[in-house]
Amino acid sequence: MAGVWAAMGQVQASEPSSLYFRCTMTAAQYAEVKAAPPGGAPAFDDWQQWFDSQGMYGPGKVRSEDLRPLVARNLSELVGVSGWGTYSEYDEKAGAWRFALLQFSENYGEMISLLAPLRSVAPYCAADSDSFMLVYSYIWGDGDNAYLTLNGRSQFAKAPTPAQREEADAVLAELLKASEG
């Protein structure tokens, strides 16, 4: 995980949430997405609404520095880092890209820095799929931070389905198990 934050210029948080992402797409779309420049936070106008729904400490306002783009030539640079607590795989049989970080962040402003590029993948996700992204406290059990549907467009939603949570839990459990051994 330290490698991902180093690549993003971020500092690792003390009790970070985990991130799980799955997008149903073709292999050609996956290659296109990984080569594309990462999408930026200003492309989405619902960050403050998300902040407002989280009952944060302090002012709870999206700052302009939270919306700055990450320095990367393509999405592959952001999510292509491998190492402890990371998972990224395209499953050709299922036609889905899955990405996970066991330790992501506890800071909502910092979360935007990776959520925005991942949200920009939504147009590539099959419209009739249940593609999604979930940021939640898998390790610490403190609840959900963000749940987004990614079916052709990205939008914050109320909660994942039980099957989606089970899927995220299974991948993160494997990452946690690997980190312990």
N, C-alpha and C. Protein backbone atom coordinates (compact mmCIF):
# COMPACT_ATOMS: atom_id res chain seq x y z
N MET A 1 0.81 -1.19 0.00
CA MET A 1 0.00 0.00 0.00
C MET A 1 0.85 1.25 0.00
N ALA A 2 1.95 1.21 0.71
CA ALA A 2 2.82 2.38 0.75
C ALA A 2 3.23 2.80 -0.65
N GLY A 3 3.41 1.80 -1.54
CA GLY A 3 3.78 2.10 -2.92
C GLY A 3 2.72 2.88 -3.65
N VAL A 4 1.45 2.55 -3.42
CA VAL A 4 0.35 3.28 -4.06
C VAL A 4 0.34 4.72 -3.58
N TRP A 5 0.44 4.92 -2.25
CA TRP A 5 0.42 6.29 -1.72
C TRP A 5 1.65 7.06 -2.17
N ALA A 6 2.79 6.38 -2.26
CA ALA A 6 3.99 7.06 -2.75
C ALA A 6 3.80 7.49 -4.19
N ALA A 7 3.20 6.62 -4.99
CA ALA A 7 2.95 6.95 -6.39
C ALA A 7 1.97 8.11 -6.51
N MET A 8 1.05 8.21 -5.54
CA MET A 8 0.04 9.27 -5.57
C MET A 8 0.50 10.50 -4.79
N GLY A 9 1.65 10.42 -4.11
CA GLY A 9 2.13 11.56 -3.34
C GLY A 9 1.35 11.75 -2.06
N GLN A 10 0.78 10.69 -1.52
CA GLN A 10 -0.02 10.77 -0.31
C GLN A 10 0.70 10.09 0.85
N VAL A 11 0.27 10.40 2.05
CA VAL A 11 0.78 9.76 3.25
C VAL A 11 -0.23 8.72 3.69
N GLN A 12 0.23 7.56 4.13
CA GLN A 12 -0.67 6.50 4.56
C GLN A 12 -1.35 6.89 5.87
N ALA A 13 -2.62 6.63 6.00
CA ALA A 13 -3.39 6.97 7.18
C ALA A 13 -3.24 5.90 8.25
N SER A 14 -3.61 6.23 9.49
CA SER A 14 -3.43 5.30 10.60
C SER A 14 -4.48 4.20 10.64
N GLU A 15 -5.72 4.50 10.39
CA GLU A 15 -6.78 3.49 10.35
C GLU A 15 -7.58 3.65 9.06
N PRO A 16 -6.93 3.39 7.94
CA PRO A 16 -7.57 3.64 6.65
C PRO A 16 -8.68 2.66 6.31
N SER A 17 -9.59 3.14 5.52
CA SER A 17 -10.62 2.29 4.96
C SER A 17 -10.02 1.50 3.81
N SER A 18 -10.76 0.51 3.34
CA SER A 18 -10.36 -0.30 2.21
C SER A 18 -11.18 0.13 0.99
N LEU A 19 -10.69 -0.21 -0.19
CA LEU A 19 -11.38 0.12 -1.42
C LEU A 19 -11.52 -1.15 -2.25
N TYR A 20 -12.71 -1.34 -2.81
CA TYR A 20 -12.94 -2.44 -3.75
C TYR A 20 -13.70 -1.87 -4.94
N PHE A 21 -13.27 -2.26 -6.14
CA PHE A 21 -13.83 -1.75 -7.40
C PHE A 21 -13.99 -2.92 -8.35
N ARG A 22 -15.14 -3.00 -9.02
CA ARG A 22 -15.34 -3.98 -10.09
C ARG A 22 -16.13 -3.34 -11.20
N CYS A 23 -15.60 -3.49 -12.42
CA CYS A 23 -16.26 -2.95 -13.61
C CYS A 23 -16.33 -4.04 -14.66
N THR A 24 -17.53 -4.33 -15.14
CA THR A 24 -17.74 -5.30 -16.21
C THR A 24 -17.51 -4.59 -17.54
N MET A 25 -16.52 -5.09 -18.30
CA MET A 25 -16.15 -4.47 -19.58
C MET A 25 -15.44 -5.50 -20.44
N THR A 26 -15.30 -5.20 -21.70
CA THR A 26 -14.59 -6.10 -22.60
C THR A 26 -13.08 -5.93 -22.40
N ALA A 27 -12.32 -6.90 -22.90
CA ALA A 27 -10.86 -6.82 -22.81
C ALA A 27 -10.34 -5.59 -23.56
N ALA A 28 -10.95 -5.27 -24.71
CA ALA A 28 -10.54 -4.09 -25.48
C ALA A 28 -10.80 -2.80 -24.69
N GLN A 29 -11.94 -2.74 -24.02
CA GLN A 29 -12.26 -1.57 -23.19
C GLN A 29 -11.28 -1.46 -22.03
N TYR A 30 -10.93 -2.59 -21.43
CA TYR A 30 -9.98 -2.60 -20.32
C TYR A 30 -8.63 -2.02 -20.79
N ALA A 31 -8.15 -2.45 -21.93
CA ALA A 31 -6.89 -1.93 -22.46
C ALA A 31 -6.99 -0.43 -22.72
N GLU A 32 -8.12 0.01 -23.25
CA GLU A 32 -8.33 1.43 -23.53
C GLU A 32 -8.35 2.24 -22.24
N VAL A 33 -9.05 1.74 -21.22
CA VAL A 33 -9.15 2.43 -19.94
C VAL A 33 -7.77 2.58 -19.30
N LYS A 34 -6.99 1.52 -19.29
CA LYS A 34 -5.68 1.56 -18.64
C LYS A 34 -4.72 2.53 -19.35
N ALA A 35 -4.91 2.73 -20.64
CA ALA A 35 -4.04 3.62 -21.41
C ALA A 35 -4.51 5.07 -21.38
N ALA A 36 -5.75 5.30 -20.97
CA ALA A 36 -6.33 6.64 -20.99
C ALA A 36 -5.80 7.51 -19.85
N PRO A 37 -5.73 8.82 -20.06
CA PRO A 37 -5.36 9.71 -18.96
C PRO A 37 -6.40 9.57 -17.85
N PRO A 38 -5.98 9.63 -16.58
CA PRO A 38 -6.94 9.49 -15.49
C PRO A 38 -7.91 10.67 -15.45
N GLY A 39 -9.16 10.37 -15.20
CA GLY A 39 -10.17 11.41 -15.09
C GLY A 39 -9.95 12.23 -13.83
N GLY A 40 -10.39 13.47 -13.86
CA GLY A 40 -10.20 14.37 -12.73
C GLY A 40 -11.46 14.60 -11.93
N ALA A 41 -11.28 15.02 -10.70
CA ALA A 41 -12.39 15.26 -9.78
C ALA A 41 -13.37 16.33 -10.28
N PRO A 42 -12.90 17.42 -10.95
CA PRO A 42 -13.86 18.44 -11.40
C PRO A 42 -14.92 17.92 -12.38
N ALA A 43 -14.71 16.75 -12.95
CA ALA A 43 -15.71 16.19 -13.88
C ALA A 43 -16.98 15.77 -13.16
N PHE A 44 -16.93 15.70 -11.84
CA PHE A 44 -18.08 15.26 -11.04
C PHE A 44 -18.51 16.39 -10.12
N ASP A 45 -19.80 16.65 -10.07
CA ASP A 45 -20.29 17.77 -9.26
C ASP A 45 -20.97 17.35 -7.96
N ASP A 46 -20.76 16.10 -7.54
CA ASP A 46 -21.46 15.62 -6.35
C ASP A 46 -20.56 15.36 -5.14
N TRP A 47 -19.32 15.87 -5.17
CA TRP A 47 -18.40 15.64 -4.06
C TRP A 47 -18.93 16.25 -2.76
N GLN A 48 -19.40 17.50 -2.83
CA GLN A 48 -19.88 18.15 -1.61
C GLN A 48 -21.11 17.45 -1.05
N GLN A 49 -21.97 16.99 -1.91
CA GLN A 49 -23.16 16.24 -1.47
C GLN A 49 -22.72 14.98 -0.73
N TRP A 50 -21.69 14.30 -1.25
CA TRP A 50 -21.14 13.12 -0.57
C TRP A 50 -20.56 13.50 0.79
N PHE A 51 -19.74 14.57 0.82
CA PHE A 51 -19.19 15.03 2.09
C PHE A 51 -20.31 15.30 3.09
N ASP A 52 -21.35 16.01 2.65
CA ASP A 52 -22.46 16.37 3.54
C ASP A 52 -23.17 15.15 4.10
N SER A 53 -23.16 14.05 3.39
CA SER A 53 -23.85 12.84 3.84
C SER A 53 -23.04 12.04 4.85
N GLN A 54 -21.79 12.43 5.09
CA GLN A 54 -20.90 11.63 5.92
C GLN A 54 -20.75 12.10 7.36
N GLY A 55 -21.31 13.23 7.74
CA GLY A 55 -21.23 13.70 9.12
C GLY A 55 -19.78 13.84 9.59
N MET A 56 -18.98 14.59 8.86
CA MET A 56 -17.56 14.73 9.16
C MET A 56 -17.28 15.68 10.30
N TYR A 57 -16.08 15.54 10.85
CA TYR A 57 -15.59 16.49 11.84
C TYR A 57 -15.08 17.72 11.10
N GLY A 58 -15.11 18.85 11.76
CA GLY A 58 -14.60 20.07 11.14
C GLY A 58 -15.59 20.65 10.15
N PRO A 59 -15.09 21.50 9.24
CA PRO A 59 -15.99 22.20 8.33
C PRO A 59 -16.67 21.28 7.31
N GLY A 60 -16.07 20.14 6.97
CA GLY A 60 -16.70 19.21 6.03
C GLY A 60 -16.91 19.78 4.65
N LYS A 61 -16.01 20.61 4.21
CA LYS A 61 -16.12 21.23 2.89
C LYS A 61 -15.07 20.65 1.95
N VAL A 62 -15.45 20.43 0.72
CA VAL A 62 -14.51 19.98 -0.29
C VAL A 62 -13.60 21.17 -0.60
N ARG A 63 -12.32 20.98 -0.44
CA ARG A 63 -11.35 22.04 -0.69
C ARG A 63 -10.86 21.96 -2.13
N SER A 64 -10.42 23.08 -2.66
CA SER A 64 -9.94 23.09 -4.04
C SER A 64 -8.75 22.14 -4.21
N GLU A 65 -7.90 22.01 -3.18
CA GLU A 65 -6.77 21.08 -3.31
C GLU A 65 -7.22 19.63 -3.36
N ASP A 66 -8.42 19.31 -2.84
CA ASP A 66 -8.95 17.95 -2.94
C ASP A 66 -9.31 17.61 -4.38
N LEU A 67 -9.55 18.61 -5.18
CA LEU A 67 -9.99 18.42 -6.56
C LEU A 67 -8.86 18.49 -7.58
N ARG A 68 -7.64 18.69 -7.11
CA ARG A 68 -6.50 18.73 -8.03
C ARG A 68 -6.28 17.37 -8.66
N PRO A 69 -5.92 17.34 -9.93
CA PRO A 69 -5.67 16.05 -10.59
C PRO A 69 -4.36 15.43 -10.12
N LEU A 70 -4.31 14.12 -10.16
CA LEU A 70 -3.08 13.40 -9.86
C LEU A 70 -2.16 13.48 -11.06
N VAL A 71 -0.89 13.46 -10.81
CA VAL A 71 0.08 13.51 -11.89
C VAL A 71 0.34 12.08 -12.35
N ALA A 72 -0.23 11.74 -13.48
CA ALA A 72 -0.05 10.42 -14.08
C ALA A 72 -0.39 10.51 -15.55
N ARG A 73 0.37 9.80 -16.36
CA ARG A 73 0.10 9.80 -17.80
C ARG A 73 -1.14 9.00 -18.15
N ASN A 74 -1.38 7.94 -17.38
CA ASN A 74 -2.53 7.09 -17.67
C ASN A 74 -3.01 6.40 -16.39
N LEU A 75 -4.16 5.81 -16.46
CA LEU A 75 -4.73 5.15 -15.29
C LEU A 75 -3.87 3.99 -14.82
N SER A 76 -3.19 3.35 -15.73
CA SER A 76 -2.33 2.24 -15.39
C SER A 76 -1.25 2.65 -14.39
N GLU A 77 -0.73 3.87 -14.50
CA GLU A 77 0.27 4.36 -13.54
C GLU A 77 -0.31 4.45 -12.13
N LEU A 78 -1.58 4.77 -12.02
CA LEU A 78 -2.21 4.92 -10.70
C LEU A 78 -2.55 3.58 -10.06
N VAL A 79 -3.06 2.67 -10.85
CA VAL A 79 -3.54 1.41 -10.29
C VAL A 79 -2.66 0.22 -10.64
N GLY A 80 -1.59 0.47 -11.36
CA GLY A 80 -0.71 -0.62 -11.77
C GLY A 80 0.36 -0.98 -10.75
N VAL A 81 0.38 -0.28 -9.61
CA VAL A 81 1.35 -0.56 -8.57
C VAL A 81 0.96 -1.86 -7.88
N SER A 82 1.89 -2.78 -7.79
CA SER A 82 1.58 -4.02 -7.09
C SER A 82 2.38 -4.08 -5.80
N GLY A 83 1.93 -4.89 -4.90
CA GLY A 83 2.63 -5.04 -3.63
C GLY A 83 1.67 -5.38 -2.52
N TRP A 84 2.13 -5.20 -1.32
CA TRP A 84 1.35 -5.55 -0.15
C TRP A 84 -0.01 -4.86 -0.16
N GLY A 85 -1.06 -5.64 0.01
CA GLY A 85 -2.39 -5.09 0.16
C GLY A 85 -3.04 -4.55 -1.08
N THR A 86 -2.50 -4.87 -2.26
CA THR A 86 -3.09 -4.39 -3.51
C THR A 86 -3.50 -5.57 -4.38
N TYR A 87 -4.50 -5.33 -5.18
CA TYR A 87 -4.99 -6.35 -6.09
C TYR A 87 -5.55 -5.66 -7.32
N SER A 88 -5.15 -6.11 -8.49
CA SER A 88 -5.71 -5.60 -9.74
C SER A 88 -5.63 -6.72 -10.75
N GLU A 89 -6.79 -7.07 -11.31
CA GLU A 89 -6.82 -8.18 -12.26
C GLU A 89 -8.00 -8.01 -13.22
N TYR A 90 -7.73 -8.29 -14.49
CA TYR A 90 -8.82 -8.36 -15.46
C TYR A 90 -9.09 -9.84 -15.70
N ASP A 91 -10.30 -10.26 -15.46
CA ASP A 91 -10.73 -11.65 -15.65
C ASP A 91 -11.43 -11.73 -17.01
N GLU A 92 -10.74 -12.30 -18.00
CA GLU A 92 -11.31 -12.37 -19.35
C GLU A 92 -12.56 -13.23 -19.40
N LYS A 93 -12.59 -14.30 -18.63
CA LYS A 93 -13.75 -15.18 -18.63
C LYS A 93 -15.00 -14.45 -18.11
N ALA A 94 -14.85 -13.71 -17.03
CA ALA A 94 -15.97 -12.95 -16.46
C ALA A 94 -16.17 -11.61 -17.16
N GLY A 95 -15.14 -11.14 -17.88
CA GLY A 95 -15.23 -9.83 -18.52
C GLY A 95 -15.30 -8.71 -17.51
N ALA A 96 -14.45 -8.79 -16.47
CA ALA A 96 -14.50 -7.78 -15.41
C ALA A 96 -13.11 -7.45 -14.89
N TRP A 97 -12.92 -6.17 -14.61
CA TRP A 97 -11.70 -5.70 -13.96
C TRP A 97 -12.02 -5.49 -12.49
N ARG A 98 -11.20 -6.07 -11.63
CA ARG A 98 -11.34 -5.89 -10.18
C ARG A 98 -10.07 -5.27 -9.65
N PHE A 99 -10.24 -4.29 -8.77
CA PHE A 99 -9.13 -3.56 -8.17
C PHE A 99 -9.45 -3.40 -6.70
N ALA A 100 -8.46 -3.61 -5.84
CA ALA A 100 -8.68 -3.47 -4.40
C ALA A 100 -7.44 -2.95 -3.70
N LEU A 101 -7.67 -2.20 -2.65
CA LEU A 101 -6.62 -1.73 -1.75
C LEU A 101 -7.06 -2.07 -0.33
N LEU A 102 -6.28 -2.85 0.35
CA LEU A 102 -6.61 -3.22 1.72
C LEU A 102 -6.59 -2.01 2.63
N GLN A 103 -5.60 -1.14 2.43
CA GLN A 103 -5.53 0.11 3.20
C GLN A 103 -5.49 1.27 2.21
N PHE A 104 -6.56 2.03 2.20
CA PHE A 104 -6.72 3.12 1.24
C PHE A 104 -6.49 4.46 1.92
N SER A 105 -7.46 4.97 2.67
CA SER A 105 -7.32 6.24 3.37
C SER A 105 -8.43 6.37 4.39
N GLU A 106 -8.22 7.22 5.39
CA GLU A 106 -9.28 7.58 6.32
C GLU A 106 -9.74 9.02 6.07
N ASN A 107 -9.06 9.70 5.16
CA ASN A 107 -9.31 11.10 4.88
C ASN A 107 -10.16 11.24 3.61
N TYR A 108 -11.34 11.84 3.75
CA TYR A 108 -12.24 11.95 2.61
C TYR A 108 -11.66 12.80 1.49
N GLY A 109 -10.94 13.86 1.81
CA GLY A 109 -10.32 14.67 0.78
C GLY A 109 -9.30 13.87 -0.02
N GLU A 110 -8.50 13.05 0.67
CA GLU A 110 -7.54 12.19 -0.01
C GLU A 110 -8.24 11.12 -0.84
N MET A 111 -9.39 10.66 -0.38
CA MET A 111 -10.11 9.62 -1.12
C MET A 111 -10.45 10.10 -2.53
N ILE A 112 -10.78 11.37 -2.65
CA ILE A 112 -11.15 11.92 -3.96
C ILE A 112 -10.05 11.70 -4.99
N SER A 113 -8.78 11.74 -4.55
CA SER A 113 -7.67 11.64 -5.48
C SER A 113 -7.65 10.33 -6.27
N LEU A 114 -8.16 9.25 -5.71
CA LEU A 114 -8.24 7.99 -6.47
C LEU A 114 -9.68 7.68 -6.90
N LEU A 115 -10.65 8.14 -6.12
CA LEU A 115 -12.04 7.89 -6.53
C LEU A 115 -12.35 8.55 -7.87
N ALA A 116 -11.85 9.75 -8.08
CA ALA A 116 -12.15 10.46 -9.34
C ALA A 116 -11.66 9.68 -10.57
N PRO A 117 -10.39 9.25 -10.62
CA PRO A 117 -9.97 8.48 -11.79
C PRO A 117 -10.74 7.16 -11.95
N LEU A 118 -11.05 6.51 -10.84
CA LEU A 118 -11.83 5.27 -10.94
C LEU A 118 -13.26 5.55 -11.38
N ARG A 119 -13.83 6.66 -10.94
CA ARG A 119 -15.18 7.02 -11.39
C ARG A 119 -15.21 7.28 -12.89
N SER A 120 -14.10 7.78 -13.42
CA SER A 120 -14.06 8.10 -14.85
C SER A 120 -14.11 6.84 -15.72
N VAL A 121 -13.98 5.67 -15.13
CA VAL A 121 -14.06 4.40 -15.85
C VAL A 121 -15.53 4.02 -16.11
N ALA A 122 -16.46 4.60 -15.40
CA ALA A 122 -17.87 4.23 -15.48
C ALA A 122 -18.44 4.14 -16.90
N PRO A 123 -18.10 5.05 -17.82
CA PRO A 123 -18.65 4.92 -19.18
C PRO A 123 -18.25 3.63 -19.89
N TYR A 124 -17.19 2.99 -19.43
CA TYR A 124 -16.74 1.72 -20.01
C TYR A 124 -17.43 0.51 -19.38
N CYS A 125 -18.04 0.71 -18.21
CA CYS A 125 -18.71 -0.39 -17.52
C CYS A 125 -20.04 -0.68 -18.21
N ALA A 126 -20.35 -1.94 -18.38
CA ALA A 126 -21.60 -2.32 -19.04
C ALA A 126 -22.79 -1.73 -18.30
N ALA A 127 -23.67 -1.10 -19.06
CA ALA A 127 -24.83 -0.41 -18.47
C ALA A 127 -25.77 -1.36 -17.74
N ASP A 128 -25.82 -2.62 -18.15
CA ASP A 128 -26.73 -3.57 -17.52
C ASP A 128 -26.04 -4.43 -16.46
N SER A 129 -24.84 -4.04 -16.06
CA SER A 129 -24.09 -4.80 -15.05
C SER A 129 -24.32 -4.21 -13.67
N ASP A 130 -23.76 -4.85 -12.67
CA ASP A 130 -23.82 -4.28 -11.33
C ASP A 130 -22.43 -3.81 -10.92
N SER A 131 -21.74 -3.15 -11.85
CA SER A 131 -20.41 -2.61 -11.58
C SER A 131 -20.52 -1.60 -10.44
N PHE A 132 -19.49 -1.61 -9.57
CA PHE A 132 -19.56 -0.75 -8.39
C PHE A 132 -18.19 -0.49 -7.80
N MET A 133 -18.16 0.47 -6.88
CA MET A 133 -16.98 0.77 -6.09
C MET A 133 -17.45 0.97 -4.65
N LEU A 134 -16.72 0.40 -3.72
CA LEU A 134 -17.07 0.48 -2.31
C LEU A 134 -15.82 0.86 -1.51
N VAL A 135 -15.94 1.90 -0.71
CA VAL A 135 -14.90 2.30 0.23
C VAL A 135 -15.51 2.11 1.60
N TYR A 136 -14.88 1.24 2.39
CA TYR A 136 -15.45 0.94 3.70
C TYR A 136 -14.38 0.44 4.65
N SER A 137 -14.74 0.42 5.90
CA SER A 137 -13.81 0.01 6.94
C SER A 137 -13.83 -1.50 7.09
N TYR A 138 -13.18 -2.18 6.15
CA TYR A 138 -13.14 -3.63 6.19
C TYR A 138 -12.37 -4.12 7.42
N ILE A 139 -11.20 -3.57 7.66
CA ILE A 139 -10.35 -4.02 8.77
C ILE A 139 -10.90 -3.57 10.12
N TRP A 140 -11.29 -2.32 10.22
CA TRP A 140 -11.65 -1.73 11.51
C TRP A 140 -13.13 -1.84 11.83
N GLY A 141 -13.97 -2.12 10.84
CA GLY A 141 -15.39 -2.31 11.08
C GLY A 141 -16.15 -1.06 11.45
N ASP A 142 -15.72 0.10 10.93
CA ASP A 142 -16.38 1.36 11.28
C ASP A 142 -17.42 1.82 10.25
N GLY A 143 -17.83 0.96 9.34
CA GLY A 143 -18.87 1.30 8.39
C GLY A 143 -18.38 1.71 7.02
N ASP A 144 -19.32 2.16 6.21
CA ASP A 144 -19.06 2.52 4.81
C ASP A 144 -18.72 4.01 4.70
N ASN A 145 -17.81 4.31 3.79
CA ASN A 145 -17.48 5.70 3.48
C ASN A 145 -18.11 6.13 2.16
N ALA A 146 -18.12 5.23 1.19
CA ALA A 146 -18.69 5.57 -0.12
C ALA A 146 -19.08 4.29 -0.85
N TYR A 147 -20.22 4.36 -1.49
CA TYR A 147 -20.66 3.29 -2.39
C TYR A 147 -21.11 3.98 -3.67
N LEU A 148 -20.54 3.54 -4.79
CA LEU A 148 -20.88 4.13 -6.07
C LEU A 148 -21.27 3.06 -7.07
N THR A 149 -22.29 3.33 -7.84
CA THR A 149 -22.64 2.46 -8.95
C THR A 149 -21.90 2.99 -10.18
N LEU A 150 -21.51 2.07 -11.06
CA LEU A 150 -20.68 2.43 -12.21
C LEU A 150 -21.25 1.84 -13.49
N ASN A 151 -22.52 1.97 -13.71
CA ASN A 151 -23.18 1.36 -14.86
C ASN A 151 -23.37 2.36 -15.98
N GLY A 152 -22.28 2.67 -16.66
CA GLY A 152 -22.33 3.65 -17.73
C GLY A 152 -22.09 5.07 -17.24
N ARG A 153 -22.39 5.31 -15.97
CA ARG A 153 -22.09 6.59 -15.33
C ARG A 153 -21.84 6.33 -13.85
N SER A 154 -21.15 7.22 -13.23
CA SER A 154 -20.79 7.07 -11.82
C SER A 154 -21.70 7.91 -10.95
N GLN A 155 -22.26 7.27 -9.93
CA GLN A 155 -23.06 8.04 -8.99
C GLN A 155 -23.00 7.39 -7.60
N PHE A 156 -22.99 8.26 -6.59
CA PHE A 156 -23.05 7.78 -5.22
C PHE A 156 -24.42 7.15 -5.00
N ALA A 157 -24.45 6.08 -4.26
CA ALA A 157 -25.72 5.39 -3.97
C ALA A 157 -25.74 5.03 -2.48
N LYS A 158 -26.87 4.51 -2.04
CA LYS A 158 -27.08 4.27 -0.61
C LYS A 158 -26.18 3.17 -0.04
N ALA A 159 -26.24 1.95 -0.57
CA ALA A 159 -25.48 0.84 0.01
C ALA A 159 -25.33 -0.28 -1.01
N PRO A 160 -24.26 -1.05 -0.89
CA PRO A 160 -24.08 -2.18 -1.80
C PRO A 160 -25.09 -3.28 -1.50
N THR A 161 -25.31 -4.13 -2.48
CA THR A 161 -26.16 -5.29 -2.25
C THR A 161 -25.39 -6.27 -1.36
N PRO A 162 -26.07 -7.19 -0.72
CA PRO A 162 -25.34 -8.21 0.07
C PRO A 162 -24.33 -8.97 -0.78
N ALA A 163 -24.65 -9.26 -2.03
CA ALA A 163 -23.72 -9.98 -2.90
C ALA A 163 -22.48 -9.13 -3.22
N GLN A 164 -22.67 -7.84 -3.42
CA GLN A 164 -21.53 -6.96 -3.68
C GLN A 164 -20.62 -6.88 -2.46
N ARG A 165 -21.21 -6.73 -1.28
CA ARG A 165 -20.41 -6.67 -0.06
C ARG A 165 -19.66 -7.99 0.14
N GLU A 166 -20.32 -9.09 -0.10
CA GLU A 166 -19.68 -10.40 0.05
C GLU A 166 -18.50 -10.53 -0.92
N GLU A 167 -18.67 -10.05 -2.14
CA GLU A 167 -17.59 -10.08 -3.13
C GLU A 167 -16.40 -9.24 -2.66
N ALA A 168 -16.67 -8.01 -2.21
CA ALA A 168 -15.61 -7.14 -1.72
C ALA A 168 -14.92 -7.76 -0.51
N ASP A 169 -15.71 -8.27 0.43
CA ASP A 169 -15.15 -8.90 1.63
C ASP A 169 -14.23 -10.07 1.27
N ALA A 170 -14.61 -10.87 0.28
CA ALA A 170 -13.83 -12.04 -0.09
C ALA A 170 -12.46 -11.64 -0.64
N VAL A 171 -12.42 -10.64 -1.50
CA VAL A 171 -11.15 -10.19 -2.07
C VAL A 171 -10.28 -9.56 -0.97
N LEU A 172 -10.87 -8.73 -0.13
CA LEU A 172 -10.10 -8.08 0.93
C LEU A 172 -9.64 -9.09 1.98
N ALA A 173 -10.43 -10.12 2.22
CA ALA A 173 -10.02 -11.17 3.16
C ALA A 173 -8.76 -11.88 2.64
N GLU A 174 -8.70 -12.11 1.34
CA GLU A 174 -7.52 -12.74 0.74
C GLU A 174 -6.30 -11.83 0.86
N LEU A 175 -6.51 -10.53 0.65
CA LEU A 175 -5.39 -9.59 0.80
C LEU A 175 -4.90 -9.54 2.23
N LEU A 176 -5.82 -9.56 3.19
CA LEU A 176 -5.46 -9.54 4.60
C LEU A 176 -4.72 -10.82 4.98
N LYS A 177 -5.23 -11.95 4.51
CA LYS A 177 -4.59 -13.23 4.78
C LYS A 177 -3.16 -13.26 4.22
N ALA A 178 -2.99 -12.75 3.01
CA ALA A 178 -1.65 -12.71 2.40
C ALA A 178 -0.71 -11.80 3.17
N SER A 179 -1.25 -10.74 3.76
CA SER A 179 -0.41 -9.82 4.52
C SER A 179 0.05 -10.40 5.86
N GLU A 180 -0.69 -11.37 6.35
CA GLU A 180 -0.37 -11.97 7.64
C GLU A 180 0.64 -13.10 7.51
N GLY A 181 0.84 -13.61 6.31
CA GLY A 181 1.71 -14.77 6.14
C GLY A 181 2.99 -14.53 5.50
